[in-house]
């Protein structure tokens, strides 16, 4: 099971209501992957610096909720194969 969220400017997680989450260069997204106990923090190239910093804080808070999970920060353009596979498509 994977939970996907967008981080807003008020440090709130907005849960995705869609089966497929599209990455957007202007956003910071969080994916909680329960199968491999990983939290991916994806930061788009054009996301605001403040939102990227907020994303880091939100990921740290999630580590309290999921203490056994690894936090994996990812910058757009440097996505590992496992993350690309998670999205089910090749990222540009």
PDB file of N, CA and C in Angstrom:
ATOM      1  N   UNK A   1       0.843  -1.186   0.000  1.00  0.00           N
ATOM      2  CA  UNK A   1       0.000   0.000   0.000  1.00  0.00           C
ATOM      3  C   UNK A   1       0.888   1.248   0.000  1.00  0.00           C
ATOM      4  N   UNK A   2       0.476   2.216  -0.811  1.00  0.00           N
ATOM      5  CA  UNK A   2       1.203   3.478  -0.914  1.00  0.00           C
ATOM      6  C   UNK A   2       0.231   4.618  -0.649  1.00  0.00           C
ATOM      7  N   UNK A   3       0.634   5.519   0.218  1.00  0.00           N
ATOM      8  CA  UNK A   3      -0.137   6.735   0.452  1.00  0.00           C
ATOM      9  C   UNK A   3       0.639   7.881  -0.183  1.00  0.00           C
ATOM     10  N   UNK A   4      -0.052   8.745  -0.903  1.00  0.00           N
ATOM     11  CA  UNK A   4       0.604   9.864  -1.576  1.00  0.00           C
ATOM     12  C   UNK A   4       0.002  11.176  -1.079  1.00  0.00           C
ATOM     13  N   UNK A   5       0.884  12.148  -0.844  1.00  0.00           N
ATOM     14  CA  UNK A   5       0.464  13.442  -0.315  1.00  0.00           C
ATOM     15  C   UNK A   5       1.214  14.566  -1.012  1.00  0.00           C
ATOM     16  N   UNK A   6       0.570  15.717  -1.069  1.00  0.00           N
ATOM     17  CA  UNK A   6       1.238  16.951  -1.484  1.00  0.00           C
ATOM     18  C   UNK A   6       1.421  17.781  -0.224  1.00  0.00           C
ATOM     19  N   UNK A   7       2.523  18.487  -0.146  1.00  0.00           N
ATOM     20  CA  UNK A   7       2.771  19.364   0.992  1.00  0.00           C
ATOM     21  C   UNK A   7       2.398  20.780   0.598  1.00  0.00           C
ATOM     22  N   UNK A   8       1.548  21.417   1.394  1.00  0.00           N
ATOM     23  CA  UNK A   8       1.182  22.792   1.086  1.00  0.00           C
ATOM     24  C   UNK A   8       2.056  23.770   1.872  1.00  0.00           C
ATOM     25  N   UNK A   9       1.835  25.043   1.652  1.00  0.00           N
ATOM     26  CA  UNK A   9       2.683  26.075   2.263  1.00  0.00           C
ATOM     27  C   UNK A   9       2.475  26.211   3.770  1.00  0.00           C
ATOM     28  N   UNK A  10       1.452  25.546   4.305  1.00  0.00           N
ATOM     29  CA  UNK A  10       1.191  25.590   5.746  1.00  0.00           C
ATOM     30  C   UNK A  10       1.634  24.302   6.438  1.00  0.00           C
ATOM     31  N   UNK A  11       2.475  23.527   5.773  1.00  0.00           N
ATOM     32  CA  UNK A  11       3.023  22.268   6.299  1.00  0.00           C
ATOM     33  C   UNK A  11       1.957  21.204   6.520  1.00  0.00           C
ATOM     34  N   UNK A  12       0.903  21.258   5.718  1.00  0.00           N
ATOM     35  CA  UNK A  12      -0.145  20.246   5.799  1.00  0.00           C
ATOM     36  C   UNK A  12       0.048  19.236   4.679  1.00  0.00           C
ATOM     37  N   UNK A  13      -0.278  17.990   4.989  1.00  0.00           N
ATOM     38  CA  UNK A  13      -0.251  16.932   3.987  1.00  0.00           C
ATOM     39  C   UNK A  13      -1.630  16.838   3.356  1.00  0.00           C
ATOM     40  N   UNK A  14      -1.701  17.004   2.053  1.00  0.00           N
ATOM     41  CA  UNK A  14      -2.956  16.892   1.331  1.00  0.00           C
ATOM     42  C   UNK A  14      -2.940  15.539   0.627  1.00  0.00           C
ATOM     43  N   UNK A  15      -3.808  14.628   1.067  1.00  0.00           N
ATOM     44  CA  UNK A  15      -3.812  13.274   0.524  1.00  0.00           C
ATOM     45  C   UNK A  15      -4.339  13.273  -0.904  1.00  0.00           C
ATOM     46  N   UNK A  16      -3.671  12.499  -1.742  1.00  0.00           N
ATOM     47  CA  UNK A  16      -4.107  12.348  -3.121  1.00  0.00           C
ATOM     48  C   UNK A  16      -5.339  11.459  -3.153  1.00  0.00           C
ATOM     49  N   UNK A  17      -6.317  11.852  -3.940  1.00  0.00           N
ATOM     50  CA  UNK A  17      -7.537  11.071  -4.073  1.00  0.00           C
ATOM     51  C   UNK A  17      -7.519  10.253  -5.362  1.00  0.00           C
ATOM     52  N   UNK A  18      -6.383  10.224  -6.029  1.00  0.00           N
ATOM     53  CA  UNK A  18      -6.277   9.556  -7.322  1.00  0.00           C
ATOM     54  C   UNK A  18      -5.428   8.293  -7.216  1.00  0.00           C
ATOM     55  N   UNK A  19      -5.688   7.339  -8.103  1.00  0.00           N
ATOM     56  CA  UNK A  19      -4.908   6.107  -8.132  1.00  0.00           C
ATOM     57  C   UNK A  19      -3.509   6.347  -8.673  1.00  0.00           C
ATOM     58  N   UNK A  20      -3.385   7.302  -9.583  1.00  0.00           N
ATOM     59  CA  UNK A  20      -2.091   7.629 -10.177  1.00  0.00           C
ATOM     60  C   UNK A  20      -1.753   9.059  -9.783  1.00  0.00           C
ATOM     61  N   UNK A  21      -0.575   9.233  -9.208  1.00  0.00           N
ATOM     62  CA  UNK A  21      -0.134  10.564  -8.793  1.00  0.00           C
ATOM     63  C   UNK A  21       0.887  11.064  -9.808  1.00  0.00           C
ATOM     64  N   UNK A  22       0.614  12.223 -10.363  1.00  0.00           N
ATOM     65  CA  UNK A  22       1.554  12.815 -11.303  1.00  0.00           C
ATOM     66  C   UNK A  22       2.494  13.749 -10.559  1.00  0.00           C
ATOM     67  N   UNK A  23       3.778  13.583 -10.837  1.00  0.00           N
ATOM     68  CA  UNK A  23       4.739  14.498 -10.241  1.00  0.00           C
ATOM     69  C   UNK A  23       4.651  15.818 -10.987  1.00  0.00           C
ATOM     70  N   UNK A  24       4.833  16.897 -10.281  1.00  0.00           N
ATOM     71  CA  UNK A  24       4.743  18.250 -10.837  1.00  0.00           C
ATOM     72  C   UNK A  24       5.967  19.009 -10.354  1.00  0.00           C
ATOM     73  N   UNK A  25       6.708  19.566 -11.281  1.00  0.00           N
ATOM     74  CA  UNK A  25       7.966  20.240 -10.975  1.00  0.00           C
ATOM     75  C   UNK A  25       7.812  21.375  -9.960  1.00  0.00           C
ATOM     76  N   UNK A  26       6.586  21.851  -9.748  1.00  0.00           N
ATOM     77  CA  UNK A  26       6.332  22.950  -8.815  1.00  0.00           C
ATOM     78  C   UNK A  26       5.922  22.483  -7.423  1.00  0.00           C
ATOM     79  N   UNK A  27       5.891  21.170  -7.198  1.00  0.00           N
ATOM     80  CA  UNK A  27       5.363  20.640  -5.941  1.00  0.00           C
ATOM     81  C   UNK A  27       6.407  19.856  -5.154  1.00  0.00           C
ATOM     82  N   UNK A  28       6.076  19.637  -3.898  1.00  0.00           N
ATOM     83  CA  UNK A  28       6.812  18.730  -3.029  1.00  0.00           C
ATOM     84  C   UNK A  28       5.809  17.649  -2.636  1.00  0.00           C
ATOM     85  N   UNK A  29       6.178  16.395  -2.881  1.00  0.00           N
ATOM     86  CA  UNK A  29       5.276  15.275  -2.650  1.00  0.00           C
ATOM     87  C   UNK A  29       5.892  14.287  -1.662  1.00  0.00           C
ATOM     88  N   UNK A  30       5.025  13.594  -0.946  1.00  0.00           N
ATOM     89  CA  UNK A  30       5.454  12.565  -0.005  1.00  0.00           C
ATOM     90  C   UNK A  30       4.721  11.278  -0.369  1.00  0.00           C
ATOM     91  N   UNK A  31       5.493  10.194  -0.451  1.00  0.00           N
ATOM     92  CA  UNK A  31       4.930   8.880  -0.712  1.00  0.00           C
ATOM     93  C   UNK A  31       5.327   7.967   0.450  1.00  0.00           C
ATOM     94  N   UNK A  32       4.338   7.415   1.133  1.00  0.00           N
ATOM     95  CA  UNK A  32       4.594   6.482   2.220  1.00  0.00           C
ATOM     96  C   UNK A  32       4.347   5.078   1.667  1.00  0.00           C
ATOM     97  N   UNK A  33       5.424   4.307   1.549  1.00  0.00           N
ATOM     98  CA  UNK A  33       5.352   2.963   0.978  1.00  0.00           C
ATOM     99  C   UNK A  33       5.450   1.970   2.123  1.00  0.00           C
ATOM    100  N   UNK A  34       4.338   1.355   2.435  1.00  0.00           N
ATOM    101  CA  UNK A  34       4.283   0.481   3.600  1.00  0.00           C
ATOM    102  C   UNK A  34       4.976  -0.865   3.357  1.00  0.00           C
ATOM    103  N   UNK A  35       4.990  -1.352   2.107  1.00  0.00           N
ATOM    104  CA  UNK A  35       5.614  -2.652   1.827  1.00  0.00           C
ATOM    105  C   UNK A  35       7.092  -2.671   2.167  1.00  0.00           C
ATOM    106  N   UNK A  36       7.799  -1.585   1.821  1.00  0.00           N
ATOM    107  CA  UNK A  36       9.243  -1.573   2.105  1.00  0.00           C
ATOM    108  C   UNK A  36       9.627  -0.560   3.192  1.00  0.00           C
ATOM    109  N   UNK A  37       8.622  -0.069   3.903  1.00  0.00           N
ATOM    110  CA  UNK A  37       8.839   0.849   5.028  1.00  0.00           C
ATOM    111  C   UNK A  37       9.739   2.023   4.647  1.00  0.00           C
ATOM    112  N   UNK A  38       9.282   2.737   3.616  1.00  0.00           N
ATOM    113  CA  UNK A  38      10.038   3.887   3.121  1.00  0.00           C
ATOM    114  C   UNK A  38       9.107   5.080   2.955  1.00  0.00           C
ATOM    115  N   UNK A  39       9.605   6.259   3.324  1.00  0.00           N
ATOM    116  CA  UNK A  39       8.911   7.515   3.056  1.00  0.00           C
ATOM    117  C   UNK A  39       9.774   8.272   2.054  1.00  0.00           C
ATOM    118  N   UNK A  40       9.233   8.469   0.846  1.00  0.00           N
ATOM    119  CA  UNK A  40       9.936   9.242  -0.170  1.00  0.00           C
ATOM    120  C   UNK A  40       9.481  10.689  -0.087  1.00  0.00           C
ATOM    121  N   UNK A  41      10.430  11.590  -0.004  1.00  0.00           N
ATOM    122  CA  UNK A  41      10.156  13.029  -0.036  1.00  0.00           C
ATOM    123  C   UNK A  41      10.681  13.530  -1.373  1.00  0.00           C
ATOM    124  N   UNK A  42       9.767  13.746  -2.323  1.00  0.00           N
ATOM    125  CA  UNK A  42      10.139  14.162  -3.675  1.00  0.00           C
ATOM    126  C   UNK A  42       9.997  15.672  -3.793  1.00  0.00           C
ATOM    127  N   UNK A  43      11.074  16.330  -4.233  1.00  0.00           N
ATOM    128  CA  UNK A  43      11.076  17.793  -4.354  1.00  0.00           C
ATOM    129  C   UNK A  43      11.272  18.188  -5.811  1.00  0.00           C
ATOM    130  N   UNK A  44      10.244  18.837  -6.370  1.00  0.00           N
ATOM    131  CA  UNK A  44      10.314  19.307  -7.749  1.00  0.00           C
ATOM    132  C   UNK A  44      11.333  20.430  -7.900  1.00  0.00           C
ATOM    133  N   UNK A  45      11.934  20.510  -9.086  1.00  0.00           N
ATOM    134  CA  UNK A  45      12.968  21.529  -9.350  1.00  0.00           C
ATOM    135  C   UNK A  45      12.457  22.946  -9.143  1.00  0.00           C
ATOM    136  N   UNK A  46      11.205  23.182  -9.505  1.00  0.00           N
ATOM    137  CA  UNK A  46      10.666  24.541  -9.438  1.00  0.00           C
ATOM    138  C   UNK A  46       9.793  24.792  -8.211  1.00  0.00           C
ATOM    139  N   UNK A  47       9.815  23.864  -7.259  1.00  0.00           N
ATOM    140  CA  UNK A  47       9.066  24.087  -6.015  1.00  0.00           C
ATOM    141  C   UNK A  47       9.750  25.215  -5.237  1.00  0.00           C
ATOM    142  N   UNK A  48       8.948  25.965  -4.516  1.00  0.00           N
ATOM    143  CA  UNK A  48       9.504  27.067  -3.734  1.00  0.00           C
ATOM    144  C   UNK A  48      10.433  26.518  -2.649  1.00  0.00           C
ATOM    145  N   UNK A  49      11.495  27.261  -2.383  1.00  0.00           N
ATOM    146  CA  UNK A  49      12.473  26.853  -1.372  1.00  0.00           C
ATOM    147  C   UNK A  49      11.789  26.621  -0.022  1.00  0.00           C
ATOM    148  N   UNK A  50      10.876  27.498   0.330  1.00  0.00           N
ATOM    149  CA  UNK A  50      10.173  27.373   1.611  1.00  0.00           C
ATOM    150  C   UNK A  50       9.411  26.054   1.664  1.00  0.00           C
ATOM    151  N   UNK A  51       8.763  25.683   0.562  1.00  0.00           N
ATOM    152  CA  UNK A  51       8.002  24.433   0.526  1.00  0.00           C
ATOM    153  C   UNK A  51       8.941  23.236   0.643  1.00  0.00           C
ATOM    154  N   UNK A  52      10.113  23.325   0.034  1.00  0.00           N
ATOM    155  CA  UNK A  52      11.097  22.242   0.155  1.00  0.00           C
ATOM    156  C   UNK A  52      11.550  22.086   1.608  1.00  0.00           C
ATOM    157  N   UNK A  53      11.779  23.204   2.277  1.00  0.00           N
ATOM    158  CA  UNK A  53      12.180  23.161   3.692  1.00  0.00           C
ATOM    159  C   UNK A  53      11.049  22.610   4.566  1.00  0.00           C
ATOM    160  N   UNK A  54       9.837  23.038   4.266  1.00  0.00           N
ATOM    161  CA  UNK A  54       8.677  22.533   5.002  1.00  0.00           C
ATOM    162  C   UNK A  54       8.568  21.027   4.794  1.00  0.00           C
ATOM    163  N   UNK A  55       8.830  20.567   3.574  1.00  0.00           N
ATOM    164  CA  UNK A  55       8.785  19.135   3.279  1.00  0.00           C
ATOM    165  C   UNK A  55       9.735  18.345   4.154  1.00  0.00           C
ATOM    166  N   UNK A  56      10.911  18.892   4.384  1.00  0.00           N
ATOM    167  CA  UNK A  56      11.881  18.231   5.252  1.00  0.00           C
ATOM    168  C   UNK A  56      11.342  18.121   6.677  1.00  0.00           C
ATOM    169  N   UNK A  57      10.718  19.179   7.152  1.00  0.00           N
ATOM    170  CA  UNK A  57      10.132  19.157   8.501  1.00  0.00           C
ATOM    171  C   UNK A  57       8.979  18.160   8.595  1.00  0.00           C
ATOM    172  N   UNK A  58       8.150  18.116   7.560  1.00  0.00           N
ATOM    173  CA  UNK A  58       7.022  17.178   7.542  1.00  0.00           C
ATOM    174  C   UNK A  58       7.536  15.738   7.538  1.00  0.00           C
ATOM    175  N   UNK A  59       8.567  15.466   6.760  1.00  0.00           N
ATOM    176  CA  UNK A  59       9.149  14.118   6.730  1.00  0.00           C
ATOM    177  C   UNK A  59       9.691  13.737   8.106  1.00  0.00           C
ATOM    178  N   UNK A  60      10.302  14.683   8.779  1.00  0.00           N
ATOM    179  CA  UNK A  60      10.811  14.419  10.133  1.00  0.00           C
ATOM    180  C   UNK A  60       9.659  14.088  11.083  1.00  0.00           C
ATOM    181  N   UNK A  61       8.543  14.800  10.947  1.00  0.00           N
ATOM    182  CA  UNK A  61       7.366  14.496  11.777  1.00  0.00           C
ATOM    183  C   UNK A  61       6.835  13.103  11.479  1.00  0.00           C
ATOM    184  N   UNK A  62       6.855  12.720  10.202  1.00  0.00           N
ATOM    185  CA  UNK A  62       6.376  11.391   9.823  1.00  0.00           C
ATOM    186  C   UNK A  62       7.245  10.292  10.437  1.00  0.00           C
ATOM    187  N   UNK A  63       8.512  10.604  10.677  1.00  0.00           N
ATOM    188  CA  UNK A  63       9.392   9.595  11.278  1.00  0.00           C
ATOM    189  C   UNK A  63       8.945   9.259  12.697  1.00  0.00           C
ATOM    190  N   UNK A  64       8.177  10.138  13.339  1.00  0.00           N
ATOM    191  CA  UNK A  64       7.623   9.830  14.655  1.00  0.00           C
ATOM    192  C   UNK A  64       6.431   8.875  14.515  1.00  0.00           C
ATOM    193  N   UNK A  65       5.659   9.064  13.451  1.00  0.00           N
ATOM    194  CA  UNK A  65       4.512   8.200  13.190  1.00  0.00           C
ATOM    195  C   UNK A  65       4.962   6.821  12.726  1.00  0.00           C
ATOM    196  N   UNK A  66       6.013   6.806  11.902  1.00  0.00           N
ATOM    197  CA  UNK A  66       6.539   5.556  11.338  1.00  0.00           C
ATOM    198  C   UNK A  66       8.016   5.412  11.725  1.00  0.00           C
ATOM    199  N   UNK A  67       8.308   5.082  12.980  1.00  0.00           N
ATOM    200  CA  UNK A  67       9.706   5.071  13.431  1.00  0.00           C
ATOM    201  C   UNK A  67      10.588   4.034  12.737  1.00  0.00           C
ATOM    202  N   UNK A  68      10.001   2.985  12.170  1.00  0.00           N
ATOM    203  CA  UNK A  68      10.784   1.951  11.492  1.00  0.00           C
ATOM    204  C   UNK A  68      11.004   2.243  10.009  1.00  0.00           C
ATOM    205  N   UNK A  69      10.468   3.358   9.517  1.00  0.00           N
ATOM    206  CA  UNK A  69      10.544   3.676   8.092  1.00  0.00           C
ATOM    207  C   UNK A  69      11.772   4.541   7.807  1.00  0.00           C
ATOM    208  N   UNK A  70      12.366   4.330   6.628  1.00  0.00           N
ATOM    209  CA  UNK A  70      13.485   5.167   6.180  1.00  0.00           C
ATOM    210  C   UNK A  70      12.926   6.376   5.437  1.00  0.00           C
ATOM    211  N   UNK A  71      13.508   7.529   5.654  1.00  0.00           N
ATOM    212  CA  UNK A  71      13.146   8.740   4.917  1.00  0.00           C
ATOM    213  C   UNK A  71      14.129   8.861   3.753  1.00  0.00           C
ATOM    214  N   UNK A  72      13.610   8.925   2.540  1.00  0.00           N
ATOM    215  CA  UNK A  72      14.451   9.038   1.353  1.00  0.00           C
ATOM    216  C   UNK A  72      14.139  10.336   0.619  1.00  0.00           C
ATOM    217  N   UNK A  73      14.914  11.400   0.823  1.00  0.00           N
ATOM    218  CA  UNK A  73      14.704  12.630   0.065  1.00  0.00           C
ATOM    219  C   UNK A  73      15.163  12.433  -1.379  1.00  0.00           C
ATOM    220  N   UNK A  74      14.365  12.945  -2.310  1.00  0.00           N
ATOM    221  CA  UNK A  74      14.672  12.793  -3.730  1.00  0.00           C
ATOM    222  C   UNK A  74      14.471  14.147  -4.409  1.00  0.00           C
ATOM    223  N   UNK A  75      15.456  14.557  -5.181  1.00  0.00           N
ATOM    224  CA  UNK A  75      15.330  15.770  -5.987  1.00  0.00           C
ATOM    225  C   UNK A  75      14.917  15.379  -7.397  1.00  0.00           C
ATOM    226  N   UNK A  76      14.065  16.190  -7.995  1.00  0.00           N
ATOM    227  CA  UNK A  76      13.633  15.932  -9.369  1.00  0.00           C
ATOM    228  C   UNK A  76      14.847  15.798 -10.284  1.00  0.00           C
ATOM    229  N   UNK A  77      14.846  14.759 -11.077  1.00  0.00           N
ATOM    230  CA  UNK A  77      15.949  14.494 -11.983  1.00  0.00           C
ATOM    231  C   UNK A  77      16.936  13.481 -11.430  1.00  0.00           C
ATOM    232  N   UNK A  78      16.849  13.178 -10.134  1.00  0.00           N
ATOM    233  CA  UNK A  78      17.750  12.213  -9.484  1.00  0.00           C
ATOM    234  C   UNK A  78      16.972  11.062  -8.849  1.00  0.00           C
ATOM    235  N   UNK A  79      15.866  10.685  -9.471  1.00  0.00           N
ATOM    236  CA  UNK A  79      15.015   9.643  -8.908  1.00  0.00           C
ATOM    237  C   UNK A  79      15.663   8.269  -9.065  1.00  0.00           C
ATOM    238  N   UNK A  80      15.706   7.490  -7.966  1.00  0.00           N
ATOM    239  CA  UNK A  80      16.233   6.127  -8.069  1.00  0.00           C
ATOM    240  C   UNK A  80      15.229   5.229  -8.804  1.00  0.00           C
ATOM    241  N   UNK A  81      15.721   4.105  -9.304  1.00  0.00           N
ATOM    242  CA  UNK A  81      14.887   3.176 -10.066  1.00  0.00           C
ATOM    243  C   UNK A  81      13.671   2.707  -9.262  1.00  0.00           C
ATOM    244  N   UNK A  82      13.854   2.463  -7.964  1.00  0.00           N
ATOM    245  CA  UNK A  82      12.744   1.987  -7.126  1.00  0.00           C
ATOM    246  C   UNK A  82      11.616   3.024  -7.078  1.00  0.00           C
ATOM    247  N   UNK A  83      11.976   4.289  -7.048  1.00  0.00           N
ATOM    248  CA  UNK A  83      10.961   5.344  -7.021  1.00  0.00           C
ATOM    249  C   UNK A  83      10.252   5.426  -8.374  1.00  0.00           C
ATOM    250  N   UNK A  84      11.001   5.341  -9.453  1.00  0.00           N
ATOM    251  CA  UNK A  84      10.391   5.357 -10.787  1.00  0.00           C
ATOM    252  C   UNK A  84       9.432   4.185 -10.953  1.00  0.00           C
ATOM    253  N   UNK A  85       9.830   3.031 -10.447  1.00  0.00           N
ATOM    254  CA  UNK A  85       8.982   1.855 -10.512  1.00  0.00           C
ATOM    255  C   UNK A  85       7.706   2.078  -9.711  1.00  0.00           C
ATOM    256  N   UNK A  86       7.831   2.713  -8.571  1.00  0.00           N
ATOM    257  CA  UNK A  86       6.687   3.021  -7.715  1.00  0.00           C
ATOM    258  C   UNK A  86       5.657   3.842  -8.480  1.00  0.00           C
ATOM    259  N   UNK A  87       6.115   4.810  -9.226  1.00  0.00           N
ATOM    260  CA  UNK A  87       5.207   5.663  -9.983  1.00  0.00           C
ATOM    261  C   UNK A  87       4.645   4.949 -11.207  1.00  0.00           C
ATOM    262  N   UNK A  88       5.318   3.892 -11.613  1.00  0.00           N
ATOM    263  CA  UNK A  88       4.809   3.118 -12.741  1.00  0.00           C
ATOM    264  C   UNK A  88       5.086   3.747 -14.092  1.00  0.00           C
ATOM    265  N   UNK A  89       5.987   4.704 -14.121  1.00  0.00           N
ATOM    266  CA  UNK A  89       6.333   5.325 -15.401  1.00  0.00           C
ATOM    267  C   UNK A  89       7.719   5.898 -15.304  1.00  0.00           C
ATOM    268  N   UNK A  90       8.305   6.135 -16.430  1.00  0.00           N
ATOM    269  CA  UNK A  90       9.633   6.727 -16.467  1.00  0.00           C
ATOM    270  C   UNK A  90       9.501   8.232 -16.306  1.00  0.00           C
ATOM    271  N   UNK A  91      10.264   8.783 -15.390  1.00  0.00           N
ATOM    272  CA  UNK A  91      10.260  10.242 -15.199  1.00  0.00           C
ATOM    273  C   UNK A  91      11.261  10.879 -16.144  1.00  0.00           C
ATOM    274  N   UNK A  92      10.980  12.099 -16.513  1.00  0.00           N
ATOM    275  CA  UNK A  92      11.897  12.831 -17.406  1.00  0.00           C
ATOM    276  C   UNK A  92      13.088  13.332 -16.651  1.00  0.00           C
TER     277      UNK A  92
END
